[in-house]
């Protein structure tokens, strides 16, 4: 796999934690940083996908009224559990 060097200024406390983890795990700092960035990128890509999915629902009119959601939430705090609200079309 081709690689590319990136440079970043990290807060000293974070850099020290990476140093400590590298020593504890007997792994190169670069592999720890690569693993952390890969996980973060996956999270951000999923967040973006979900946002686009939500916007598509709004555009298609698949919405749930606030009052229905609030009533459902209040029901969770009591013995009367309502069915989860479903989007109207």
N, C-alpha and C. Protein backbone atom coordinates (compact mmCIF):
# COMPACT_ATOMS: atom_id res chain seq x y z
N UNK A 1 0.84 -1.17 0.00
CA UNK A 1 0.00 0.00 0.00
C UNK A 1 0.89 1.24 0.00
N UNK A 2 0.53 2.17 -0.88
CA UNK A 2 1.28 3.42 -0.92
C UNK A 2 0.94 4.23 0.33
N UNK A 3 1.89 4.99 0.79
CA UNK A 3 1.67 5.82 1.97
C UNK A 3 1.99 7.27 1.65
N UNK A 4 1.50 8.14 2.51
CA UNK A 4 1.75 9.57 2.39
C UNK A 4 1.98 10.11 3.79
N UNK A 5 2.98 10.92 3.93
CA UNK A 5 3.30 11.50 5.23
C UNK A 5 2.44 12.72 5.48
N UNK A 6 1.79 12.75 6.64
CA UNK A 6 1.02 13.92 7.08
C UNK A 6 1.68 14.44 8.35
N UNK A 7 1.67 15.73 8.50
CA UNK A 7 2.23 16.34 9.69
C UNK A 7 1.12 17.07 10.43
N UNK A 8 1.08 16.89 11.75
CA UNK A 8 0.06 17.56 12.54
C UNK A 8 0.66 17.99 13.87
N UNK A 9 0.27 19.16 14.30
CA UNK A 9 0.66 19.62 15.63
C UNK A 9 -0.39 19.10 16.61
N UNK A 10 0.05 18.27 17.53
CA UNK A 10 -0.86 17.71 18.52
C UNK A 10 -0.64 18.39 19.87
N UNK A 11 -1.70 18.48 20.65
CA UNK A 11 -1.50 18.95 22.02
C UNK A 11 -0.52 17.99 22.71
N UNK A 12 0.34 18.54 23.52
CA UNK A 12 1.38 17.75 24.16
C UNK A 12 0.81 16.57 24.94
N UNK A 13 -0.30 16.79 25.63
CA UNK A 13 -0.91 15.72 26.43
C UNK A 13 -1.34 14.55 25.53
N UNK A 14 -1.91 14.84 24.38
CA UNK A 14 -2.33 13.79 23.45
C UNK A 14 -1.11 13.06 22.89
N UNK A 15 -0.11 13.80 22.50
CA UNK A 15 1.12 13.18 21.97
C UNK A 15 1.75 12.27 23.02
N UNK A 16 1.74 12.70 24.28
CA UNK A 16 2.30 11.87 25.35
C UNK A 16 1.50 10.58 25.53
N UNK A 17 0.19 10.67 25.39
CA UNK A 17 -0.65 9.47 25.51
C UNK A 17 -0.36 8.49 24.39
N UNK A 18 -0.14 9.02 23.18
CA UNK A 18 0.21 8.15 22.05
C UNK A 18 1.56 7.48 22.33
N UNK A 19 2.50 8.24 22.85
CA UNK A 19 3.81 7.67 23.20
C UNK A 19 3.64 6.54 24.22
N UNK A 20 2.82 6.79 25.25
CA UNK A 20 2.61 5.78 26.30
C UNK A 20 1.95 4.53 25.73
N UNK A 21 0.94 4.71 24.89
CA UNK A 21 0.27 3.55 24.30
C UNK A 21 1.23 2.76 23.42
N UNK A 22 2.02 3.46 22.64
CA UNK A 22 2.99 2.77 21.78
C UNK A 22 3.93 1.92 22.61
N UNK A 23 4.37 2.45 23.74
CA UNK A 23 5.28 1.69 24.61
C UNK A 23 4.55 0.51 25.24
N UNK A 24 3.34 0.74 25.74
CA UNK A 24 2.58 -0.34 26.39
C UNK A 24 2.25 -1.46 25.42
N UNK A 25 1.88 -1.09 24.20
CA UNK A 25 1.47 -2.10 23.21
C UNK A 25 2.63 -2.62 22.37
N UNK A 26 3.80 -2.03 22.57
CA UNK A 26 4.99 -2.40 21.79
C UNK A 26 4.68 -2.30 20.29
N UNK A 27 4.12 -1.16 19.92
CA UNK A 27 3.77 -0.90 18.53
C UNK A 27 4.32 0.46 18.14
N UNK A 28 4.59 0.64 16.86
CA UNK A 28 5.05 1.96 16.40
C UNK A 28 3.95 3.00 16.56
N UNK A 29 4.36 4.22 16.89
CA UNK A 29 3.39 5.31 17.04
C UNK A 29 2.58 5.50 15.75
N UNK A 30 3.24 5.35 14.64
CA UNK A 30 2.55 5.54 13.36
C UNK A 30 1.39 4.59 13.17
N UNK A 31 1.53 3.35 13.62
CA UNK A 31 0.43 2.39 13.44
C UNK A 31 -0.74 2.75 14.35
N UNK A 32 -0.44 3.28 15.52
CA UNK A 32 -1.51 3.70 16.44
C UNK A 32 -2.25 4.89 15.86
N UNK A 33 -1.52 5.85 15.34
CA UNK A 33 -2.15 7.03 14.73
C UNK A 33 -2.95 6.62 13.50
N UNK A 34 -2.43 5.73 12.67
CA UNK A 34 -3.14 5.26 11.48
C UNK A 34 -4.43 4.56 11.88
N UNK A 35 -4.38 3.71 12.90
CA UNK A 35 -5.58 3.01 13.35
C UNK A 35 -6.63 3.99 13.88
N UNK A 36 -6.18 4.97 14.65
CA UNK A 36 -7.10 5.96 15.21
C UNK A 36 -7.74 6.81 14.10
N UNK A 37 -6.95 7.25 13.15
CA UNK A 37 -7.49 8.06 12.05
C UNK A 37 -8.44 7.25 11.18
N UNK A 38 -8.11 5.99 10.95
CA UNK A 38 -8.99 5.12 10.15
C UNK A 38 -10.35 4.98 10.83
N UNK A 39 -10.35 4.76 12.14
CA UNK A 39 -11.61 4.64 12.89
C UNK A 39 -12.39 5.94 12.81
N UNK A 40 -11.73 7.07 12.97
CA UNK A 40 -12.41 8.37 12.91
C UNK A 40 -13.01 8.61 11.53
N UNK A 41 -12.26 8.30 10.48
CA UNK A 41 -12.76 8.49 9.12
C UNK A 41 -14.00 7.64 8.88
N UNK A 42 -13.99 6.39 9.36
CA UNK A 42 -15.17 5.53 9.22
C UNK A 42 -16.38 6.13 9.92
N UNK A 43 -16.18 6.65 11.12
CA UNK A 43 -17.27 7.28 11.87
C UNK A 43 -17.82 8.47 11.11
N UNK A 44 -16.94 9.32 10.60
CA UNK A 44 -17.38 10.51 9.87
C UNK A 44 -18.07 10.16 8.56
N UNK A 45 -17.60 9.13 7.87
CA UNK A 45 -18.25 8.70 6.64
C UNK A 45 -19.66 8.16 6.93
N UNK A 46 -19.80 7.41 8.01
CA UNK A 46 -21.12 6.89 8.40
C UNK A 46 -22.03 8.04 8.80
N UNK A 47 -21.51 9.00 9.55
CA UNK A 47 -22.31 10.17 9.94
C UNK A 47 -22.81 10.90 8.69
N UNK A 48 -21.94 11.09 7.72
CA UNK A 48 -22.33 11.77 6.48
C UNK A 48 -23.40 10.97 5.74
N UNK A 49 -23.24 9.66 5.67
CA UNK A 49 -24.23 8.81 5.00
C UNK A 49 -25.59 8.93 5.68
N UNK A 50 -25.59 8.92 7.02
CA UNK A 50 -26.85 9.02 7.76
C UNK A 50 -27.51 10.39 7.58
N UNK A 51 -26.70 11.44 7.51
CA UNK A 51 -27.24 12.78 7.27
C UNK A 51 -27.91 12.83 5.90
N UNK A 52 -27.24 12.29 4.89
CA UNK A 52 -27.83 12.27 3.54
C UNK A 52 -29.11 11.45 3.51
N UNK A 53 -29.11 10.34 4.23
CA UNK A 53 -30.31 9.50 4.33
C UNK A 53 -31.46 10.28 4.99
N UNK A 54 -31.15 11.00 6.05
CA UNK A 54 -32.16 11.80 6.73
C UNK A 54 -32.70 12.92 5.84
N UNK A 55 -31.81 13.57 5.12
CA UNK A 55 -32.25 14.63 4.21
C UNK A 55 -33.13 14.07 3.09
N UNK A 56 -32.81 12.88 2.62
CA UNK A 56 -33.65 12.24 1.60
C UNK A 56 -35.03 11.93 2.17
N UNK A 57 -35.09 11.50 3.44
CA UNK A 57 -36.39 11.27 4.08
C UNK A 57 -37.19 12.57 4.15
N UNK A 58 -36.54 13.66 4.52
CA UNK A 58 -37.23 14.95 4.59
C UNK A 58 -37.74 15.34 3.21
N UNK A 59 -36.88 15.22 2.20
CA UNK A 59 -37.28 15.57 0.83
C UNK A 59 -38.47 14.74 0.37
N UNK A 60 -38.53 13.47 0.82
CA UNK A 60 -39.61 12.57 0.42
C UNK A 60 -40.84 12.74 1.30
N UNK A 61 -40.74 13.59 2.32
CA UNK A 61 -41.88 13.83 3.20
C UNK A 61 -42.07 12.78 4.27
N UNK A 62 -41.06 11.95 4.51
CA UNK A 62 -41.15 10.93 5.56
C UNK A 62 -40.75 11.58 6.88
N UNK A 63 -41.74 12.12 7.59
CA UNK A 63 -41.50 12.90 8.80
C UNK A 63 -42.34 12.37 9.95
N UNK A 64 -41.92 12.68 11.17
CA UNK A 64 -42.67 12.35 12.38
C UNK A 64 -42.91 13.66 13.12
N UNK A 65 -44.17 13.88 13.52
CA UNK A 65 -44.54 15.09 14.23
C UNK A 65 -43.87 15.12 15.61
N UNK A 66 -43.39 16.29 16.01
CA UNK A 66 -42.73 16.46 17.31
C UNK A 66 -43.61 15.99 18.47
N UNK A 67 -44.88 16.31 18.40
CA UNK A 67 -45.79 15.94 19.49
C UNK A 67 -45.88 14.43 19.65
N UNK A 68 -45.85 13.69 18.54
CA UNK A 68 -45.87 12.23 18.61
C UNK A 68 -44.62 11.70 19.30
N UNK A 69 -43.49 12.29 18.97
CA UNK A 69 -42.23 11.85 19.57
C UNK A 69 -42.22 12.15 21.07
N UNK A 70 -42.67 13.36 21.43
CA UNK A 70 -42.69 13.73 22.84
C UNK A 70 -43.63 12.83 23.64
N UNK A 71 -44.80 12.49 23.07
CA UNK A 71 -45.73 11.60 23.77
C UNK A 71 -45.12 10.22 23.93
N UNK A 72 -44.41 9.75 22.92
CA UNK A 72 -43.78 8.43 22.99
C UNK A 72 -42.69 8.43 24.07
N UNK A 73 -41.88 9.49 24.12
CA UNK A 73 -40.81 9.59 25.12
C UNK A 73 -41.41 9.61 26.53
N UNK A 74 -42.45 10.40 26.73
CA UNK A 74 -43.10 10.45 28.05
C UNK A 74 -43.65 9.09 28.44
N UNK A 75 -44.17 8.35 27.47
CA UNK A 75 -44.68 7.01 27.74
C UNK A 75 -43.59 6.06 28.20
N UNK A 76 -42.37 6.28 27.77
CA UNK A 76 -41.26 5.42 28.19
C UNK A 76 -40.98 5.56 29.68
N UNK A 77 -41.36 6.70 30.24
CA UNK A 77 -41.12 6.96 31.66
C UNK A 77 -42.26 6.45 32.54
N UNK A 78 -43.28 5.87 31.94
CA UNK A 78 -44.43 5.37 32.70
C UNK A 78 -44.65 3.90 32.36
N UNK A 79 -45.73 3.35 32.89
CA UNK A 79 -46.09 1.96 32.57
C UNK A 79 -46.88 1.87 31.26
N UNK A 80 -47.24 3.01 30.70
CA UNK A 80 -48.01 3.04 29.46
C UNK A 80 -47.04 3.28 28.30
N UNK A 81 -46.67 2.20 27.64
CA UNK A 81 -45.72 2.31 26.53
C UNK A 81 -46.47 2.38 25.21
N UNK A 82 -46.28 3.46 24.50
CA UNK A 82 -46.89 3.63 23.19
C UNK A 82 -45.99 3.01 22.13
N UNK A 83 -46.59 2.66 21.02
CA UNK A 83 -45.79 2.17 19.90
C UNK A 83 -44.91 3.31 19.40
N UNK A 84 -43.73 2.97 18.96
CA UNK A 84 -42.81 4.00 18.44
C UNK A 84 -43.48 4.68 17.24
N UNK A 85 -43.38 6.00 17.17
CA UNK A 85 -43.98 6.72 16.06
C UNK A 85 -43.33 6.32 14.74
N UNK A 86 -44.12 6.33 13.70
CA UNK A 86 -43.59 6.01 12.37
C UNK A 86 -43.77 7.22 11.46
N UNK A 87 -42.91 7.36 10.50
CA UNK A 87 -43.00 8.52 9.61
C UNK A 87 -44.30 8.50 8.81
N UNK A 88 -44.85 9.68 8.61
CA UNK A 88 -46.02 9.82 7.76
C UNK A 88 -45.51 10.17 6.36
N UNK A 89 -46.27 9.84 5.41
CA UNK A 89 -45.85 10.10 4.02
C UNK A 89 -46.73 11.12 3.39
